[in-house]
Amino acid sequence: MRRAVRFVTALVVALGLVASVGSAIVPRTLHDGMNLVRMRSMRAFLAEFNVYRWAGRMLADAARLRSRDRLTGRLTDHLAAAAH
């Protein structure tokens, strides 16, 4: 349990959310400019890895593949009928 607490503490400090002062953990206050930069970075990350966008792209790709398979099937049927 102590390892997990130490790991989480190290992770939080590494992310810059708090500063470690000796054995105490002190919330880090950010300058307005730094806070703005961090918020922009977080918003850009969330926009890029948005689960709804990912799901929408996956559904669009599936629809495109289904449409292509239908077209291929029709062409195959047409070519087989023309050959007889």
C-alpha atoms as a PDB file:
ATOM      1  CA  MET A   1       0.000   0.000   0.000  1.00  0.00           C
ATOM      2  CA  ARG A   2       2.807   2.393   0.844  1.00  0.00           C
ATOM      3  CA  ARG A   3       4.402   1.775  -2.562  1.00  0.00           C
ATOM      4  CA  ALA A   4       1.153   2.709  -4.283  1.00  0.00           C
ATOM      5  CA  VAL A   5       0.895   5.912  -2.255  1.00  0.00           C
ATOM      6  CA  ARG A   6       4.510   6.786  -3.048  1.00  0.00           C
ATOM      7  CA  PHE A   7       3.947   6.056  -6.736  1.00  0.00           C
ATOM      8  CA  VAL A   8       0.827   8.219  -6.931  1.00  0.00           C
ATOM      9  CA  THR A   9       2.592  10.991  -5.010  1.00  0.00           C
ATOM     10  CA  ALA A  10       5.565  10.847  -7.391  1.00  0.00           C
ATOM     11  CA  LEU A  11       3.224  10.885 -10.376  1.00  0.00           C
ATOM     12  CA  VAL A  12       1.303  13.899  -9.095  1.00  0.00           C
ATOM     13  CA  VAL A  13       4.556  15.753  -8.384  1.00  0.00           C
ATOM     14  CA  ALA A  14       5.939  14.809 -11.825  1.00  0.00           C
ATOM     15  CA  LEU A  15       2.813  16.117 -13.513  1.00  0.00           C
ATOM     16  CA  GLY A  16       3.379  19.415 -11.771  1.00  0.00           C
ATOM     17  CA  LEU A  17       0.115  19.418  -9.871  1.00  0.00           C
ATOM     18  CA  VAL A  18       1.858  19.772  -6.532  1.00  0.00           C
ATOM     19  CA  ALA A  19       5.334  20.510  -5.314  1.00  0.00           C
ATOM     20  CA  SER A  20       7.111  18.208  -2.892  1.00  0.00           C
ATOM     21  CA  VAL A  21       8.723  20.095  -0.034  1.00  0.00           C
ATOM     22  CA  GLY A  22      10.603  17.582   2.068  1.00  0.00           C
ATOM     23  CA  SER A  23       8.028  15.041   3.190  1.00  0.00           C
ATOM     24  CA  ALA A  24       5.123  17.476   2.809  1.00  0.00           C
ATOM     25  CA  ILE A  25       3.124  17.938  -0.365  1.00  0.00           C
ATOM     26  CA  VAL A  26       2.107  21.479  -1.110  1.00  0.00           C
ATOM     27  CA  PRO A  27      -0.384  22.402  -3.850  1.00  0.00           C
ATOM     28  CA  ARG A  28       1.460  24.230  -6.586  1.00  0.00           C
ATOM     29  CA  THR A  29       0.184  27.635  -7.550  1.00  0.00           C
ATOM     30  CA  LEU A  30       0.705  28.467 -11.181  1.00  0.00           C
ATOM     31  CA  HIS A  31       1.243  31.852 -12.673  1.00  0.00           C
ATOM     32  CA  ASP A  32      -1.650  32.959 -14.845  1.00  0.00           C
ATOM     33  CA  GLY A  33       0.410  32.495 -18.013  1.00  0.00           C
ATOM     34  CA  MET A  34       1.548  29.005 -17.045  1.00  0.00           C
ATOM     35  CA  ASN A  35      -1.980  28.000 -16.068  1.00  0.00           C
ATOM     36  CA  LEU A  36      -3.245  29.233 -19.438  1.00  0.00           C
ATOM     37  CA  VAL A  37      -0.585  27.210 -21.273  1.00  0.00           C
ATOM     38  CA  ARG A  38      -1.416  24.054 -19.291  1.00  0.00           C
ATOM     39  CA  MET A  39      -5.157  24.466 -19.901  1.00  0.00           C
ATOM     40  CA  ARG A  40      -4.634  24.964 -23.650  1.00  0.00           C
ATOM     41  CA  SER A  41      -2.416  21.898 -23.761  1.00  0.00           C
ATOM     42  CA  MET A  42      -4.995  19.814 -21.893  1.00  0.00           C
ATOM     43  CA  ARG A  43      -7.822  21.003 -24.169  1.00  0.00           C
ATOM     44  CA  ALA A  44      -5.776  20.172 -27.280  1.00  0.00           C
ATOM     45  CA  PHE A  45      -5.043  16.703 -25.905  1.00  0.00           C
ATOM     46  CA  LEU A  46      -8.716  16.077 -25.129  1.00  0.00           C
ATOM     47  CA  ALA A  47      -9.778  17.340 -28.559  1.00  0.00           C
ATOM     48  CA  GLU A  48      -7.341  14.988 -30.266  1.00  0.00           C
ATOM     49  CA  PHE A  49      -8.200  11.928 -28.199  1.00  0.00           C
ATOM     50  CA  ASN A  50     -11.928  12.530 -27.822  1.00  0.00           C
ATOM     51  CA  VAL A  51     -13.719   9.186 -27.496  1.00  0.00           C
ATOM     52  CA  TYR A  52     -16.801  10.452 -29.327  1.00  0.00           C
ATOM     53  CA  ARG A  53     -14.714  11.574 -32.302  1.00  0.00           C
ATOM     54  CA  TRP A  54     -12.963   8.213 -32.297  1.00  0.00           C
ATOM     55  CA  ALA A  55     -16.288   6.355 -32.200  1.00  0.00           C
ATOM     56  CA  GLY A  56     -17.686   8.522 -34.996  1.00  0.00           C
ATOM     57  CA  ARG A  57     -14.683   7.824 -37.209  1.00  0.00           C
ATOM     58  CA  MET A  58     -14.944   4.113 -36.481  1.00  0.00           C
ATOM     59  CA  LEU A  59     -18.641   4.079 -37.442  1.00  0.00           C
ATOM     60  CA  ALA A  60     -17.954   6.071 -40.611  1.00  0.00           C
ATOM     61  CA  ASP A  61     -15.185   3.634 -41.578  1.00  0.00           C
ATOM     62  CA  ALA A  62     -17.490   0.667 -40.941  1.00  0.00           C
ATOM     63  CA  ALA A  63     -20.211   2.234 -43.108  1.00  0.00           C
ATOM     64  CA  ARG A  64     -17.695   2.882 -45.878  1.00  0.00           C
ATOM     65  CA  LEU A  65     -16.465  -0.735 -45.752  1.00  0.00           C
ATOM     66  CA  ARG A  66     -20.025  -2.061 -45.792  1.00  0.00           C
ATOM     67  CA  SER A  67     -20.846   0.096 -48.797  1.00  0.00           C
ATOM     68  CA  ARG A  68     -17.711  -1.085 -50.593  1.00  0.00           C
ATOM     69  CA  ASP A  69     -18.549  -4.733 -49.848  1.00  0.00           C
ATOM     70  CA  ARG A  70     -22.079  -4.266 -51.232  1.00  0.00           C
ATOM     71  CA  LEU A  71     -20.724  -2.689 -54.401  1.00  0.00           C
ATOM     72  CA  THR A  72     -18.138  -5.453 -54.821  1.00  0.00           C
ATOM     73  CA  GLY A  73     -20.873  -8.072 -54.362  1.00  0.00           C
ATOM     74  CA  ARG A  74     -23.068  -6.437 -56.990  1.00  0.00           C
ATOM     75  CA  LEU A  75     -20.202  -6.224 -59.466  1.00  0.00           C
ATOM     76  CA  THR A  76     -19.302  -9.868 -58.860  1.00  0.00           C
ATOM     77  CA  ASP A  77     -22.928 -10.934 -59.396  1.00  0.00           C
ATOM     78  CA  HIS A  78     -23.172  -8.831 -62.547  1.00  0.00           C
ATOM     79  CA  LEU A  79     -19.938 -10.228 -63.993  1.00  0.00           C
ATOM     80  CA  ALA A  80     -20.997 -13.797 -63.174  1.00  0.00           C
ATOM     81  CA  ALA A  81     -24.378 -13.275 -64.877  1.00  0.00           C
ATOM     82  CA  ALA A  82     -22.707 -11.733 -67.938  1.00  0.00           C
ATOM     83  CA  ALA A  83     -20.337 -14.705 -68.235  1.00  0.00           C
ATOM     84  CA  HIS A  84     -23.219 -17.206 -68.552  1.00  0.00           C
END
